[in-house]
Amino acid sequence: MSTLTRHEPGKPGKPGAPGTHADEARTGAPGGARVDGPLSGPVRVLLRVHRRPLWTAGALLLLGIGAVVALRIWVAAASGQERCPDGDITACGDDVYQPTYARTSAETFLADGGNVTLLLAGLLGILVAGPLIARELESGTFRMAWTQSVAPSRWLTVRIAVPVVLATAATAVVVPVYRWGWTGLQHNPFSWGLRWYEGSVYLGSGPVTLGYALLAVALGALVAVLVRRTLPAMGITALLVGAVAVTLTQLREHLWPVARLSGKRGPDDFAWFIDSGMLTASGRAVYWNDCAGAGTPGGDLSVCMRERGGVTPFTDVHPASHFWPLQLVETGILLAVAALAVFAAFRVLRRLHG
């Protein structure tokens, strides 16, 4: 007759029995309990519930990347028709400039790249503000998660962290691809729409792209917990992201000191012209705009400038070397505002729901 033996501490138990080392090795926890990360369950739920818009966003991302690659290949294939380094298919040096259709099509598409990335950032903020947060607060479905040992702060963390990770990953792919497509064409002196300082290019060619995406996520979260209504939260978020973009566009030239070119030295084709005028003998700047409408004879503004003491002409510009300083300063501003918005969102949620 067999007897049941009691498992004693320190002695190996039967393989597969509850509480044995085999179970601990398989599950990574004492007693065979399954251990997941603190956010893994809510993350899986969030991704599963919103899988359709995520798949759609991924498809659009691949479509945009494919379009940039196809355009560069098209331009390269048509380069056999070009007779000049600037892409002219007519005689070099004459008064006629005519590029290939492939080049003009690629320039037109890439010139709007930054606007597209800003639009996508706004849509990401709308998604966070509406479907991810405000809709659950409005319908009350958040209570189900909170009653299943999911703290409110953890619930909000997931809804901010997942879009942030996805936006960072997407930006790490989109920006290099866009820069590869843009830099291959922007050296053409006639491609004015592709200058580095153009808003439609600037917004999609550096870290500021990620800055706007993270700002949109943060503002969407803050507006959602404040308003707690889906449609109003989405609309307010879109307005706020647009307002920040317009404000920084107006202030961008002041985010880094300009370079002043004096005398006969003029800017190159790729410098961002800011202002011009004349310097007095003491070095004081007198701007041409100060003489606009001065009523000088024959419209000669130089008379007005000389009367104001102007001696040496000057031009204020941002050269191409200022691209990265401007990008980094603007990105820092966006990240600082985003951090404040996230902090405020958690404070509001804690005040309302503990």
Protein backbone atom coordinates (compact mmCIF):
# COMPACT_ATOMS: atom_id res chain seq x y z
CA MET A 1 0.00 0.00 0.00
CA SER A 2 1.37 3.32 -0.93
CA THR A 3 1.33 6.30 1.35
CA LEU A 4 1.24 10.00 0.62
CA THR A 5 4.44 11.67 1.69
CA ARG A 6 4.47 15.25 2.81
CA HIS A 7 6.92 17.54 1.04
CA GLU A 8 9.40 18.84 3.52
CA PRO A 9 11.26 22.11 3.19
CA GLY A 10 14.67 21.77 1.65
CA LYS A 11 13.79 18.52 -0.14
CA PRO A 12 13.00 18.39 -3.85
CA GLY A 13 9.35 17.94 -4.59
CA LYS A 14 7.67 16.08 -7.39
CA PRO A 15 8.36 17.72 -10.77
CA GLY A 16 5.44 19.87 -11.81
CA ALA A 17 3.89 19.94 -8.34
CA PRO A 18 2.70 23.31 -7.12
CA GLY A 19 5.30 25.28 -5.29
CA THR A 20 8.30 23.40 -6.64
CA HIS A 21 11.45 24.87 -8.09
CA ALA A 22 10.39 23.64 -11.51
CA ASP A 23 7.35 25.87 -11.40
CA GLU A 24 9.40 28.77 -10.15
CA ALA A 25 11.87 28.36 -12.97
CA ARG A 26 9.09 28.16 -15.53
CA THR A 27 7.09 31.13 -14.30
CA GLY A 28 9.79 33.23 -12.72
CA ALA A 29 7.86 33.59 -9.44
CA PRO A 30 7.45 31.61 -6.21
CA GLY A 31 4.59 29.16 -6.25
CA GLY A 32 4.36 29.23 -10.04
CA ALA A 33 2.60 32.61 -10.10
CA ARG A 34 2.83 34.36 -13.45
CA VAL A 35 4.58 37.70 -13.29
CA ASP A 36 3.92 40.40 -15.82
CA GLY A 37 5.27 43.91 -15.92
CA PRO A 38 3.20 46.53 -14.09
CA LEU A 39 1.92 47.95 -17.38
CA SER A 40 1.94 44.90 -19.66
CA GLY A 41 -1.71 43.95 -19.17
CA PRO A 42 -3.19 47.44 -19.68
CA VAL A 43 -0.87 47.99 -22.64
CA ARG A 44 -2.10 44.82 -24.36
CA VAL A 45 -5.70 45.83 -23.75
CA LEU A 46 -5.12 49.32 -25.12
CA LEU A 47 -3.39 48.02 -28.25
CA ARG A 48 -6.11 45.46 -28.86
CA VAL A 49 -8.98 47.91 -28.43
CA HIS A 50 -7.41 50.53 -30.72
CA ARG A 51 -5.75 48.18 -33.18
CA ARG A 52 -7.63 49.52 -36.22
CA PRO A 53 -6.41 53.12 -36.02
CA LEU A 54 -2.93 51.83 -35.19
CA TRP A 55 -2.88 49.58 -38.25
CA THR A 56 -4.19 52.46 -40.35
CA ALA A 57 -1.46 54.77 -39.05
CA GLY A 58 1.16 52.11 -39.79
CA ALA A 59 -0.13 51.69 -43.32
CA LEU A 60 -0.04 55.46 -43.92
CA LEU A 61 3.50 55.57 -42.55
CA LEU A 62 4.66 52.87 -44.94
CA LEU A 63 2.85 54.60 -47.80
CA GLY A 64 4.64 57.89 -47.11
CA ILE A 65 8.03 56.21 -46.87
CA GLY A 66 7.38 54.33 -50.09
CA ALA A 67 6.38 57.56 -51.84
CA VAL A 68 9.64 59.30 -50.86
CA VAL A 69 11.74 56.35 -52.04
CA ALA A 70 9.78 56.09 -55.30
CA LEU A 71 10.20 59.80 -56.03
CA ARG A 72 13.95 59.70 -55.48
CA ILE A 73 14.22 56.69 -57.79
CA TRP A 74 12.08 58.51 -60.38
CA VAL A 75 14.31 61.60 -60.23
CA ALA A 76 17.43 59.47 -60.59
CA ALA A 77 15.95 57.61 -63.56
CA ALA A 78 15.06 60.89 -65.29
CA SER A 79 18.45 62.49 -64.60
CA GLY A 80 19.67 61.34 -68.04
CA GLN A 81 17.60 64.14 -69.58
CA GLU A 82 19.29 66.82 -67.47
CA ARG A 83 22.07 68.76 -69.18
CA CYS A 84 23.14 70.93 -66.25
CA PRO A 85 24.08 70.36 -62.58
CA ASP A 86 21.01 72.30 -61.45
CA GLY A 87 18.69 69.87 -63.25
CA ASP A 88 18.02 72.05 -66.30
CA ILE A 89 17.14 70.08 -69.43
CA THR A 90 17.78 73.12 -71.69
CA ALA A 91 21.10 74.72 -72.54
CA CYS A 92 23.16 75.63 -69.49
CA GLY A 93 23.59 79.30 -68.69
CA ASP A 94 20.68 80.65 -70.73
CA ASP A 95 17.64 82.50 -69.40
CA VAL A 96 15.40 79.42 -69.53
CA TYR A 97 15.26 76.90 -66.71
CA GLN A 98 13.20 73.77 -67.28
CA PRO A 99 13.53 70.74 -64.97
CA THR A 100 12.18 67.27 -65.61
CA TYR A 101 8.64 66.42 -64.62
CA ALA A 102 10.04 63.91 -62.15
CA ARG A 103 12.03 66.63 -60.38
CA THR A 104 9.16 69.11 -60.16
CA SER A 105 6.81 66.40 -58.90
CA ALA A 106 9.27 65.31 -56.23
CA GLU A 107 9.90 68.91 -55.16
CA THR A 108 6.17 69.60 -54.87
CA PHE A 109 5.59 66.49 -52.76
CA LEU A 110 8.59 66.94 -50.47
CA ALA A 111 7.94 70.65 -49.98
CA ASP A 112 4.82 69.74 -47.96
CA GLY A 113 6.51 67.09 -45.82
CA GLY A 114 6.69 69.20 -42.68
CA ASN A 115 3.04 70.19 -42.90
CA VAL A 116 2.10 66.52 -43.13
CA THR A 117 4.11 65.63 -40.02
CA LEU A 118 2.49 68.49 -38.09
CA LEU A 119 -0.93 67.28 -39.20
CA LEU A 120 -0.09 63.74 -38.04
CA ALA A 121 1.07 65.11 -34.69
CA GLY A 122 -2.24 66.90 -34.32
CA LEU A 123 -4.16 63.75 -35.17
CA LEU A 124 -2.16 61.84 -32.55
CA GLY A 125 -3.11 64.40 -29.94
CA ILE A 126 -6.75 64.16 -31.00
CA LEU A 127 -6.62 60.37 -30.67
CA VAL A 128 -5.21 60.64 -27.14
CA ALA A 129 -7.67 63.34 -26.11
CA GLY A 130 -10.75 61.62 -27.51
CA PRO A 131 -10.84 57.82 -27.88
CA LEU A 132 -8.03 56.99 -25.47
CA ILE A 133 -8.97 59.13 -22.45
CA ALA A 134 -11.98 61.42 -22.70
CA ARG A 135 -14.33 58.80 -24.13
CA GLU A 136 -13.63 56.44 -21.23
CA LEU A 137 -14.06 59.22 -18.69
CA GLU A 138 -17.30 60.31 -20.36
CA SER A 139 -18.80 56.83 -20.63
CA GLY A 140 -17.58 55.63 -17.25
CA THR A 141 -15.77 52.57 -18.60
CA PHE A 142 -12.64 53.65 -16.72
CA ARG A 143 -14.25 52.35 -13.51
CA MET A 144 -13.95 48.77 -14.71
CA ALA A 145 -10.19 49.11 -15.04
CA TRP A 146 -9.84 50.95 -11.75
CA THR A 147 -11.74 48.26 -9.87
CA GLN A 148 -9.37 45.60 -11.24
CA SER A 149 -6.34 46.80 -9.27
CA VAL A 150 -5.40 49.36 -11.93
CA ALA A 151 -4.67 52.64 -10.18
CA PRO A 152 -5.82 55.87 -11.89
CA SER A 153 -2.21 57.04 -12.29
CA ARG A 154 -1.25 53.75 -13.90
CA TRP A 155 -4.30 53.93 -16.17
CA LEU A 156 -3.29 57.39 -17.38
CA THR A 157 0.38 56.41 -17.67
CA VAL A 158 -0.47 53.69 -20.18
CA ARG A 159 -2.56 56.07 -22.28
CA ILE A 160 0.32 58.51 -22.46
CA ALA A 161 3.24 56.09 -22.68
CA VAL A 162 1.94 53.96 -25.56
CA PRO A 163 1.42 56.92 -27.97
CA VAL A 164 4.78 58.36 -26.90
CA VAL A 165 6.62 55.12 -27.69
CA LEU A 166 4.84 54.70 -31.02
CA ALA A 167 5.45 58.34 -31.99
CA THR A 168 9.13 58.07 -31.09
CA ALA A 169 9.54 54.90 -33.13
CA ALA A 170 7.72 56.38 -36.12
CA THR A 171 9.73 59.61 -35.98
CA ALA A 172 12.99 57.67 -35.85
CA VAL A 173 12.07 56.24 -39.26
CA VAL A 174 10.18 59.08 -40.93
CA VAL A 175 12.62 61.94 -40.29
CA PRO A 176 15.73 60.21 -41.73
CA VAL A 177 13.76 59.06 -44.78
CA TYR A 178 12.36 62.55 -45.36
CA ARG A 179 15.79 64.14 -44.92
CA TRP A 180 17.23 61.67 -47.40
CA GLY A 181 14.60 62.62 -49.96
CA TRP A 182 14.80 66.36 -49.23
CA THR A 183 18.57 66.79 -49.19
CA GLY A 184 18.84 65.11 -52.57
CA LEU A 185 16.89 67.98 -54.14
CA GLN A 186 17.34 71.07 -51.97
CA HIS A 187 20.81 71.94 -53.30
CA ASN A 188 19.18 73.08 -56.53
CA PRO A 189 19.25 76.92 -56.38
CA PHE A 190 15.85 77.08 -58.08
CA SER A 191 14.12 74.81 -55.52
CA TRP A 192 12.92 77.64 -53.32
CA GLY A 193 10.22 75.58 -51.65
CA LEU A 194 12.83 73.17 -50.28
CA ARG A 195 14.98 75.62 -48.34
CA TRP A 196 15.80 74.36 -44.85
CA TYR A 197 14.02 77.28 -43.16
CA GLU A 198 10.73 76.85 -45.01
CA GLY A 199 8.09 75.92 -42.45
CA SER A 200 6.85 73.05 -44.58
CA VAL A 201 10.38 71.55 -44.62
CA TYR A 202 11.69 72.63 -41.23
CA LEU A 203 8.91 70.86 -39.32
CA GLY A 204 9.66 67.47 -40.83
CA SER A 205 13.44 67.38 -41.02
CA GLY A 206 14.69 67.31 -37.44
CA PRO A 207 13.95 66.59 -33.76
CA VAL A 208 11.26 69.26 -33.73
CA THR A 209 9.06 66.66 -35.47
CA LEU A 210 9.16 64.48 -32.36
CA GLY A 211 8.74 67.53 -30.15
CA TYR A 212 5.39 68.40 -31.73
CA ALA A 213 4.22 64.79 -31.52
CA LEU A 214 5.02 64.56 -27.79
CA LEU A 215 3.46 67.96 -27.17
CA ALA A 216 0.27 66.83 -28.91
CA VAL A 217 0.10 63.71 -26.72
CA ALA A 218 0.64 65.73 -23.55
CA LEU A 219 -1.90 68.41 -24.44
CA GLY A 220 -4.41 65.74 -25.44
CA ALA A 221 -4.06 64.03 -22.06
CA LEU A 222 -4.39 67.30 -20.12
CA VAL A 223 -7.41 68.51 -22.06
CA ALA A 224 -9.10 65.11 -21.76
CA VAL A 225 -8.89 64.93 -17.96
CA LEU A 226 -10.02 68.55 -17.69
CA VAL A 227 -12.95 68.44 -20.12
CA ARG A 228 -13.93 64.74 -19.85
CA ARG A 229 -16.03 65.02 -23.02
CA THR A 230 -14.88 63.35 -26.23
CA LEU A 231 -15.68 65.83 -28.98
CA PRO A 232 -14.82 69.02 -27.05
CA ALA A 233 -11.53 67.49 -25.92
CA MET A 234 -10.61 66.59 -29.48
CA GLY A 235 -11.45 70.05 -30.80
CA ILE A 236 -9.63 71.93 -28.04
CA THR A 237 -6.53 69.76 -28.46
CA ALA A 238 -6.40 70.48 -32.19
CA LEU A 239 -6.72 74.22 -31.53
CA LEU A 240 -3.98 74.18 -28.90
CA VAL A 241 -1.51 72.27 -31.07
CA GLY A 242 -2.21 74.63 -33.96
CA ALA A 243 -1.81 77.68 -31.71
CA VAL A 244 1.57 76.48 -30.44
CA ALA A 245 2.74 75.79 -34.00
CA VAL A 246 1.68 79.25 -35.22
CA THR A 247 3.29 80.97 -32.22
CA LEU A 248 6.63 79.19 -32.58
CA THR A 249 6.63 79.81 -36.32
CA GLN A 250 6.39 83.55 -35.64
CA LEU A 251 9.10 83.41 -32.96
CA ARG A 252 11.44 80.95 -34.71
CA GLU A 253 13.80 83.54 -36.16
CA HIS A 254 14.39 84.89 -32.64
CA LEU A 255 15.27 81.55 -31.04
CA TRP A 256 18.93 81.90 -31.99
CA PRO A 257 21.09 85.01 -32.60
CA VAL A 258 21.30 86.03 -36.26
CA ALA A 259 24.53 86.38 -38.19
CA ARG A 260 25.20 89.92 -39.41
CA LEU A 261 26.93 90.37 -42.77
CA SER A 262 28.27 93.88 -43.30
CA GLY A 263 29.74 95.67 -46.25
CA LYS A 264 29.49 94.11 -49.68
CA ARG A 265 29.36 90.61 -48.26
CA GLY A 266 25.96 89.11 -49.08
CA PRO A 267 24.20 85.90 -48.00
CA ASP A 268 24.36 82.74 -50.05
CA ASP A 269 21.37 81.10 -51.70
CA PHE A 270 20.66 78.87 -48.69
CA ALA A 271 20.69 81.51 -45.94
CA TRP A 272 17.46 82.60 -44.26
CA PHE A 273 17.15 86.35 -44.84
CA ILE A 274 15.83 88.15 -41.74
CA ASP A 275 16.40 91.89 -42.20
CA SER A 276 18.80 94.47 -43.67
CA GLY A 277 19.79 98.09 -43.32
CA MET A 278 22.82 100.24 -42.66
CA LEU A 279 25.18 100.72 -39.74
CA THR A 280 25.99 104.20 -38.46
CA ALA A 281 29.54 105.31 -37.62
CA SER A 282 28.90 104.29 -34.01
CA GLY A 283 27.68 100.84 -35.05
CA ARG A 284 23.97 101.46 -34.47
CA ALA A 285 21.68 99.61 -36.87
CA VAL A 286 19.23 101.55 -39.04
CA TYR A 287 16.79 99.27 -40.86
CA TRP A 288 15.37 99.85 -44.31
CA ASN A 289 11.89 99.39 -42.93
CA ASP A 290 12.43 102.45 -40.76
CA CYS A 291 12.48 104.53 -43.94
CA ALA A 292 9.47 102.92 -45.59
CA GLY A 293 6.94 105.61 -46.48
CA ALA A 294 9.38 108.39 -45.57
CA GLY A 295 8.40 110.27 -48.72
CA THR A 296 11.90 110.57 -50.08
CA PRO A 297 12.23 112.11 -53.56
CA GLY A 298 11.88 109.48 -56.26
CA GLY A 299 11.39 106.79 -53.67
CA ASP A 300 15.16 106.61 -53.01
CA LEU A 301 15.38 105.19 -49.49
CA SER A 302 19.16 105.62 -49.38
CA VAL A 303 18.63 109.36 -48.83
CA CYS A 304 16.57 108.60 -45.75
CA MET A 305 19.15 106.10 -44.52
CA ARG A 306 21.99 108.64 -44.90
CA GLU A 307 19.95 111.26 -43.07
CA ARG A 308 19.67 108.77 -40.19
CA GLY A 309 23.43 108.27 -40.18
CA GLY A 310 23.67 105.08 -42.24
CA VAL A 311 27.15 104.40 -43.54
CA THR A 312 27.74 100.66 -44.08
CA PRO A 313 25.08 98.27 -45.42
CA PHE A 314 24.39 95.07 -43.51
CA THR A 315 22.17 91.97 -43.74
CA ASP A 316 20.92 89.82 -40.87
CA VAL A 317 20.56 86.15 -41.78
CA HIS A 318 20.37 82.67 -40.35
CA PRO A 319 22.91 80.63 -42.34
CA ALA A 320 22.37 76.95 -42.96
CA SER A 321 24.62 76.20 -39.97
CA HIS A 322 21.88 77.58 -37.69
CA PHE A 323 19.52 74.74 -38.61
CA TRP A 324 20.49 72.52 -35.68
CA PRO A 325 20.62 75.23 -33.00
CA LEU A 326 17.17 76.44 -34.01
CA GLN A 327 15.85 72.87 -34.09
CA LEU A 328 17.24 72.01 -30.66
CA VAL A 329 16.00 75.20 -29.00
CA GLU A 330 12.50 74.79 -30.39
CA THR A 331 12.47 71.10 -29.47
CA GLY A 332 13.50 72.00 -25.93
CA ILE A 333 10.62 74.46 -25.65
CA LEU A 334 8.15 71.85 -26.92
CA LEU A 335 9.42 69.19 -24.52
CA ALA A 336 9.28 71.60 -21.58
CA VAL A 337 5.66 72.52 -22.35
CA ALA A 338 4.82 68.83 -22.85
CA ALA A 339 6.35 67.91 -19.48
CA LEU A 340 4.33 70.63 -17.74
CA ALA A 341 1.14 69.42 -19.45
CA VAL A 342 1.75 65.81 -18.35
CA PHE A 343 2.46 66.93 -14.78
CA ALA A 344 -0.74 68.99 -14.76
CA ALA A 345 -2.75 66.06 -16.18
CA PHE A 346 -1.70 63.76 -13.32
CA ARG A 347 -2.41 66.46 -10.75
CA VAL A 348 -5.89 67.02 -12.14
CA LEU A 349 -6.61 63.29 -12.25
CA ARG A 350 -5.42 62.85 -8.66
CA ARG A 351 -7.56 65.76 -7.47
CA LEU A 352 -10.67 64.46 -9.20
CA HIS A 353 -10.35 60.74 -8.57
CA GLY A 354 -7.75 60.33 -5.83
